[in-house]
Amino acid sequence: MFFGLEGVKLSAKKIVYISILVSQALVLNIIESFIPVPVPVPGIKIGLANIVTLVTILIFGLKESLIVVVLRTLLAQLLVGNITAFLFSVSGGILSACIMYIVYKRYSRYFSLVGVSVFGSVAHNVGQLFVASIVINNFLIFSYLPVLMIAGIIMGIFTGLVANFFRKYIKNIEYDSRR
């Protein structure tokens, strides 16, 4: 099975849903590459594709959101990136999806969807810095973390608000695995 996800049952309906989510995330990722960030700090992005990751967590769960993250990242890097960018993006995306899932499932009585998104955004930055520290063989790059955390909080609030807007529509189309 794909990436050791033997426990994921992929019916035709689920494959269609996941394919739509991957393509939406990919389109948002490509659109985001054309949006200039008004802050001259490298590595800061809006994180539009993370909206789809959060929506996937709401509809399906962790395993499916990891499939969406990996496929979206792989396809985006094949279209516009390189292997190093893939490592940064996939590590941040996987860590972000895992943290958002944990916060959403275990602490949603304390944190809104916006809070869940902020946790994911900050986790994404930590994951990318971890890979960067390995690539350049220097953990001093984590001194850059406070700047990225501030940006992550701001971008996480934005993506969380957008995901929260879509939440009411998601309730109408929730996936039923029995069909």
Foldseek 3Di string as FASTA:
>chain_A
DPPPVPVDDCDVVNVVVLVVLLVVLLVQVVVQVPDDDPDPDPPQTLNLSVLSLLLCCVQPRLVSSLVSQLSSLVVNCVVDRDPLSSQLRSQLSNQLSVQLRCCVVPPCVPDPLLRSLLRSLLSSVVRNLVSVCVVVVHNVSCVCSVVSSVSSNVSSNVSSVVSVVCVVVCVVVRDDPVD
